[in-house]
Amino acid sequence: MLQNILSVLGIPILIWALWSTTRLVRANRRGTAGIDVAAYGLLPRAELDPARGGPPVPEATEAVRAAREGDWRPGEALLAAAGQEWDLRWDRLSALASVASHDERWLSAWRAERPKDPDAAAVYAQALLYRAWDARGGGWAKDVIAERMDDFRQLLTAARALAVLRAGKRS
């Protein structure tokens, strides 16, 4: 008799558990798609940069915008303002190098006007590293075609040579 009662109660509980689990799985797959996160005080997904640890800083956003438009001076000022705050400096340098890895005309103008500027050289070296990894791709090394791997090695070598050259001139 107790077994019959448990089986009668168990079936609805089992159905409820399966239904709840399915519903949660579907909700997890959707994530925040369709939810206006800005209404909750968060940045819209389009404005987020997964490579950064925090929200964009207005000065950095302005310098990146200026770089995309061809003006290197705000980027130079942004790096200079970071002084010896190395985490801040790295964050700013990375943002500028990311822009330069796709279009370096603004950086070429900076390097032409100030050929001994270590900040311009550092941005260029990091941009070469970003280009190298873009050329290589994100797969396993064994799966990268030879031509892309050659590009990867050449860009890494150029970035290293630039960094060593710059380090030697600072000493």
C-alpha atoms as a PDB file:
ATOM      1  CA  MET A   1       0.000   0.000   0.000  1.00  0.00           C
ATOM      2  CA  LEU A   2       2.787   2.450   0.920  1.00  0.00           C
ATOM      3  CA  GLN A   3       4.540   1.521  -2.297  1.00  0.00           C
ATOM      4  CA  ASN A   4       1.411   2.389  -4.306  1.00  0.00           C
ATOM      5  CA  ILE A   5       1.115   5.760  -2.557  1.00  0.00           C
ATOM      6  CA  LEU A   6       4.780   6.562  -3.244  1.00  0.00           C
ATOM      7  CA  SER A   7       4.501   5.569  -6.903  1.00  0.00           C
ATOM      8  CA  VAL A   8       1.349   7.673  -7.301  1.00  0.00           C
ATOM      9  CA  LEU A   9       3.090  10.658  -5.696  1.00  0.00           C
ATOM     10  CA  GLY A  10       6.422   9.946  -7.391  1.00  0.00           C
ATOM     11  CA  ILE A  11       5.182  10.188 -10.966  1.00  0.00           C
ATOM     12  CA  PRO A  12       3.903  13.793 -10.649  1.00  0.00           C
ATOM     13  CA  ILE A  13       7.076  14.782  -8.808  1.00  0.00           C
ATOM     14  CA  LEU A  14       9.204  13.186 -11.532  1.00  0.00           C
ATOM     15  CA  ILE A  15       7.222  14.991 -14.244  1.00  0.00           C
ATOM     16  CA  TRP A  16       7.552  18.288 -12.360  1.00  0.00           C
ATOM     17  CA  ALA A  17      11.336  17.767 -11.939  1.00  0.00           C
ATOM     18  CA  LEU A  18      11.806  17.031 -15.657  1.00  0.00           C
ATOM     19  CA  TRP A  19       9.682  20.023 -16.647  1.00  0.00           C
ATOM     20  CA  SER A  20      11.601  22.354 -14.287  1.00  0.00           C
ATOM     21  CA  THR A  21      14.976  21.110 -15.463  1.00  0.00           C
ATOM     22  CA  THR A  22      14.023  21.537 -19.128  1.00  0.00           C
ATOM     23  CA  ARG A  23      12.775  25.049 -18.456  1.00  0.00           C
ATOM     24  CA  LEU A  24      16.016  26.005 -16.668  1.00  0.00           C
ATOM     25  CA  VAL A  25      18.169  24.536 -19.444  1.00  0.00           C
ATOM     26  CA  ARG A  26      16.290  26.595 -22.043  1.00  0.00           C
ATOM     27  CA  ALA A  27      16.629  29.760 -19.949  1.00  0.00           C
ATOM     28  CA  ASN A  28      20.371  29.165 -19.512  1.00  0.00           C
ATOM     29  CA  ARG A  29      20.842  28.725 -23.251  1.00  0.00           C
ATOM     30  CA  ARG A  30      19.149  32.045 -23.912  1.00  0.00           C
ATOM     31  CA  GLY A  31      21.238  33.814 -21.279  1.00  0.00           C
ATOM     32  CA  THR A  32      20.608  37.544 -21.407  1.00  0.00           C
ATOM     33  CA  ALA A  33      19.472  37.521 -25.055  1.00  0.00           C
ATOM     34  CA  GLY A  34      16.405  39.691 -25.380  1.00  0.00           C
ATOM     35  CA  ILE A  35      16.894  41.348 -21.992  1.00  0.00           C
ATOM     36  CA  ASP A  36      17.608  45.074 -21.954  1.00  0.00           C
ATOM     37  CA  VAL A  37      20.535  45.008 -19.525  1.00  0.00           C
ATOM     38  CA  ALA A  38      20.871  48.803 -19.750  1.00  0.00           C
ATOM     39  CA  ALA A  39      17.542  49.035 -17.933  1.00  0.00           C
ATOM     40  CA  TYR A  40      19.328  47.457 -14.966  1.00  0.00           C
ATOM     41  CA  GLY A  41      22.236  49.915 -15.092  1.00  0.00           C
ATOM     42  CA  LEU A  42      24.613  47.656 -17.052  1.00  0.00           C
ATOM     43  CA  LEU A  43      26.426  48.454 -20.278  1.00  0.00           C
ATOM     44  CA  PRO A  44      24.863  47.075 -23.443  1.00  0.00           C
ATOM     45  CA  ARG A  45      26.667  43.982 -24.721  1.00  0.00           C
ATOM     46  CA  ALA A  46      27.858  45.862 -27.841  1.00  0.00           C
ATOM     47  CA  GLU A  47      29.852  48.264 -25.666  1.00  0.00           C
ATOM     48  CA  LEU A  48      31.603  45.553 -23.675  1.00  0.00           C
ATOM     49  CA  ASP A  49      35.131  44.438 -24.467  1.00  0.00           C
ATOM     50  CA  PRO A  50      35.802  40.957 -23.093  1.00  0.00           C
ATOM     51  CA  ALA A  51      39.533  41.669 -23.057  1.00  0.00           C
ATOM     52  CA  ARG A  52      39.072  44.433 -20.488  1.00  0.00           C
ATOM     53  CA  GLY A  53      38.537  44.014 -16.800  1.00  0.00           C
ATOM     54  CA  GLY A  54      36.138  46.901 -16.395  1.00  0.00           C
ATOM     55  CA  PRO A  55      34.014  49.459 -18.166  1.00  0.00           C
ATOM     56  CA  PRO A  56      35.556  51.689 -20.822  1.00  0.00           C
ATOM     57  CA  VAL A  57      37.186  54.847 -19.502  1.00  0.00           C
ATOM     58  CA  PRO A  58      35.944  57.990 -21.310  1.00  0.00           C
ATOM     59  CA  GLU A  59      39.490  59.245 -22.000  1.00  0.00           C
ATOM     60  CA  ALA A  60      40.478  55.894 -23.497  1.00  0.00           C
ATOM     61  CA  THR A  61      37.299  55.715 -25.537  1.00  0.00           C
ATOM     62  CA  GLU A  62      38.025  59.176 -26.940  1.00  0.00           C
ATOM     63  CA  ALA A  63      41.648  58.289 -27.756  1.00  0.00           C
ATOM     64  CA  VAL A  64      40.565  55.093 -29.511  1.00  0.00           C
ATOM     65  CA  ARG A  65      37.942  57.006 -31.494  1.00  0.00           C
ATOM     66  CA  ALA A  66      40.536  59.617 -32.487  1.00  0.00           C
ATOM     67  CA  ALA A  67      42.976  56.892 -33.535  1.00  0.00           C
ATOM     68  CA  ARG A  68      40.325  55.286 -35.724  1.00  0.00           C
ATOM     69  CA  GLU A  69      39.838  58.699 -37.322  1.00  0.00           C
ATOM     70  CA  GLY A  70      43.591  59.078 -37.899  1.00  0.00           C
ATOM     71  CA  ASP A  71      44.671  61.328 -34.999  1.00  0.00           C
ATOM     72  CA  TRP A  72      47.446  59.893 -32.812  1.00  0.00           C
ATOM     73  CA  ARG A  73      47.833  62.826 -30.405  1.00  0.00           C
ATOM     74  CA  PRO A  74      45.041  61.834 -27.959  1.00  0.00           C
ATOM     75  CA  GLY A  75      46.582  58.346 -27.741  1.00  0.00           C
ATOM     76  CA  GLU A  76      49.988  59.797 -27.002  1.00  0.00           C
ATOM     77  CA  ALA A  77      48.505  62.029 -24.287  1.00  0.00           C
ATOM     78  CA  LEU A  78      46.539  59.110 -22.845  1.00  0.00           C
ATOM     79  CA  LEU A  79      49.674  57.000 -22.416  1.00  0.00           C
ATOM     80  CA  ALA A  80      51.653  59.918 -21.008  1.00  0.00           C
ATOM     81  CA  ALA A  81      48.887  60.594 -18.461  1.00  0.00           C
ATOM     82  CA  ALA A  82      49.142  56.998 -17.213  1.00  0.00           C
ATOM     83  CA  GLY A  83      52.652  57.753 -15.986  1.00  0.00           C
ATOM     84  CA  GLN A  84      54.001  54.793 -14.047  1.00  0.00           C
ATOM     85  CA  GLU A  85      50.614  53.289 -13.221  1.00  0.00           C
ATOM     86  CA  TRP A  86      51.520  50.133 -15.091  1.00  0.00           C
ATOM     87  CA  ASP A  87      48.128  48.417 -15.095  1.00  0.00           C
ATOM     88  CA  LEU A  88      46.464  51.562 -16.397  1.00  0.00           C
ATOM     89  CA  ARG A  89      49.251  52.062 -18.922  1.00  0.00           C
ATOM     90  CA  TRP A  90      48.902  48.469 -20.145  1.00  0.00           C
ATOM     91  CA  ASP A  91      45.140  48.793 -20.489  1.00  0.00           C
ATOM     92  CA  ARG A  92      45.492  51.969 -22.540  1.00  0.00           C
ATOM     93  CA  LEU A  93      48.354  50.635 -24.640  1.00  0.00           C
ATOM     94  CA  SER A  94      46.369  47.468 -25.409  1.00  0.00           C
ATOM     95  CA  ALA A  95      43.340  49.466 -26.535  1.00  0.00           C
ATOM     96  CA  LEU A  96      45.466  51.576 -28.884  1.00  0.00           C
ATOM     97  CA  ALA A  97      47.381  48.545 -30.184  1.00  0.00           C
ATOM     98  CA  SER A  98      44.111  46.804 -30.959  1.00  0.00           C
ATOM     99  CA  VAL A  99      43.124  49.706 -33.199  1.00  0.00           C
ATOM    100  CA  ALA A 100      46.575  49.767 -34.808  1.00  0.00           C
ATOM    101  CA  SER A 101      46.461  46.034 -35.516  1.00  0.00           C
ATOM    102  CA  HIS A 102      43.598  46.679 -37.951  1.00  0.00           C
ATOM    103  CA  ASP A 103      44.681  50.056 -39.341  1.00  0.00           C
ATOM    104  CA  GLU A 104      48.056  51.541 -38.503  1.00  0.00           C
ATOM    105  CA  ARG A 105      48.013  54.706 -40.585  1.00  0.00           C
ATOM    106  CA  TRP A 106      47.559  56.884 -37.490  1.00  0.00           C
ATOM    107  CA  LEU A 107      50.358  55.014 -35.729  1.00  0.00           C
ATOM    108  CA  SER A 108      52.644  55.361 -38.749  1.00  0.00           C
ATOM    109  CA  ALA A 109      52.077  59.125 -38.628  1.00  0.00           C
ATOM    110  CA  TRP A 110      52.948  59.139 -34.904  1.00  0.00           C
ATOM    111  CA  ARG A 111      56.092  57.094 -35.473  1.00  0.00           C
ATOM    112  CA  ALA A 112      57.119  59.292 -38.415  1.00  0.00           C
ATOM    113  CA  GLU A 113      56.709  62.500 -36.436  1.00  0.00           C
ATOM    114  CA  ARG A 114      58.291  61.094 -33.255  1.00  0.00           C
ATOM    115  CA  PRO A 115      60.545  58.204 -34.303  1.00  0.00           C
ATOM    116  CA  LYS A 116      62.164  57.847 -30.867  1.00  0.00           C
ATOM    117  CA  ASP A 117      58.927  57.847 -28.874  1.00  0.00           C
ATOM    118  CA  PRO A 118      58.955  54.649 -26.775  1.00  0.00           C
ATOM    119  CA  ASP A 119      55.169  54.719 -26.380  1.00  0.00           C
ATOM    120  CA  ALA A 120      54.654  54.669 -30.136  1.00  0.00           C
ATOM    121  CA  ALA A 121      57.150  51.800 -30.415  1.00  0.00           C
ATOM    122  CA  ALA A 122      55.385  49.875 -27.648  1.00  0.00           C
ATOM    123  CA  VAL A 123      51.987  50.337 -29.298  1.00  0.00           C
ATOM    124  CA  TYR A 124      53.480  49.163 -32.593  1.00  0.00           C
ATOM    125  CA  ALA A 125      55.122  46.093 -31.028  1.00  0.00           C
ATOM    126  CA  GLN A 126      51.860  45.106 -29.332  1.00  0.00           C
ATOM    127  CA  ALA A 127      49.932  45.676 -32.568  1.00  0.00           C
ATOM    128  CA  LEU A 128      52.352  43.292 -34.309  1.00  0.00           C
ATOM    129  CA  LEU A 129      51.644  40.702 -31.616  1.00  0.00           C
ATOM    130  CA  TYR A 130      47.902  41.095 -32.138  1.00  0.00           C
ATOM    131  CA  ARG A 131      48.380  40.715 -35.895  1.00  0.00           C
ATOM    132  CA  ALA A 132      50.501  37.617 -35.335  1.00  0.00           C
ATOM    133  CA  TRP A 133      47.773  35.949 -33.301  1.00  0.00           C
ATOM    134  CA  ASP A 134      45.120  37.009 -35.800  1.00  0.00           C
ATOM    135  CA  ALA A 135      47.211  35.425 -38.567  1.00  0.00           C
ATOM    136  CA  ARG A 136      47.669  32.216 -36.601  1.00  0.00           C
ATOM    137  CA  GLY A 137      44.074  31.907 -35.485  1.00  0.00           C
ATOM    138  CA  GLY A 138      42.731  30.305 -32.338  1.00  0.00           C
ATOM    139  CA  GLY A 139      42.975  26.633 -33.222  1.00  0.00           C
ATOM    140  CA  TRP A 140      45.594  24.081 -32.320  1.00  0.00           C
ATOM    141  CA  ALA A 141      49.036  24.728 -33.841  1.00  0.00           C
ATOM    142  CA  LYS A 142      48.900  21.391 -35.672  1.00  0.00           C
ATOM    143  CA  ASP A 143      45.749  22.574 -37.482  1.00  0.00           C
ATOM    144  CA  VAL A 144      47.147  25.932 -38.674  1.00  0.00           C
ATOM    145  CA  ILE A 145      48.095  25.979 -42.342  1.00  0.00           C
ATOM    146  CA  ALA A 146      51.805  26.518 -43.071  1.00  0.00           C
ATOM    147  CA  GLU A 147      51.327  29.921 -44.701  1.00  0.00           C
ATOM    148  CA  ARG A 148      49.493  31.319 -41.677  1.00  0.00           C
ATOM    149  CA  MET A 149      52.067  29.831 -39.314  1.00  0.00           C
ATOM    150  CA  ASP A 150      54.850  31.480 -41.346  1.00  0.00           C
ATOM    151  CA  ASP A 151      53.059  34.837 -41.057  1.00  0.00           C
ATOM    152  CA  PHE A 152      52.694  34.233 -37.312  1.00  0.00           C
ATOM    153  CA  ARG A 153      56.418  33.552 -36.877  1.00  0.00           C
ATOM    154  CA  GLN A 154      57.458  36.555 -38.979  1.00  0.00           C
ATOM    155  CA  LEU A 155      55.232  38.938 -37.051  1.00  0.00           C
ATOM    156  CA  LEU A 156      56.421  37.556 -33.706  1.00  0.00           C
ATOM    157  CA  THR A 157      60.034  37.975 -34.795  1.00  0.00           C
ATOM    158  CA  ALA A 158      59.379  41.570 -35.905  1.00  0.00           C
ATOM    159  CA  ALA A 159      57.648  42.411 -32.610  1.00  0.00           C
ATOM    160  CA  ARG A 160      60.481  40.882 -30.594  1.00  0.00           C
ATOM    161  CA  ALA A 161      63.142  42.694 -32.635  1.00  0.00           C
ATOM    162  CA  LEU A 162      61.349  45.999 -32.128  1.00  0.00           C
ATOM    163  CA  ALA A 163      61.022  45.401 -28.389  1.00  0.00           C
ATOM    164  CA  VAL A 164      64.699  44.436 -28.043  1.00  0.00           C
ATOM    165  CA  LEU A 165      65.778  47.438 -30.126  1.00  0.00           C
ATOM    166  CA  ARG A 166      63.674  49.804 -28.000  1.00  0.00           C
ATOM    167  CA  ALA A 167      64.881  48.242 -24.741  1.00  0.00           C
ATOM    168  CA  GLY A 168      68.481  48.652 -25.863  1.00  0.00           C
ATOM    169  CA  LYS A 169      68.012  52.340 -26.669  1.00  0.00           C
ATOM    170  CA  ARG A 170      66.495  53.052 -23.224  1.00  0.00           C
ATOM    171  CA  SER A 171      69.488  51.629 -21.334  1.00  0.00           C
END
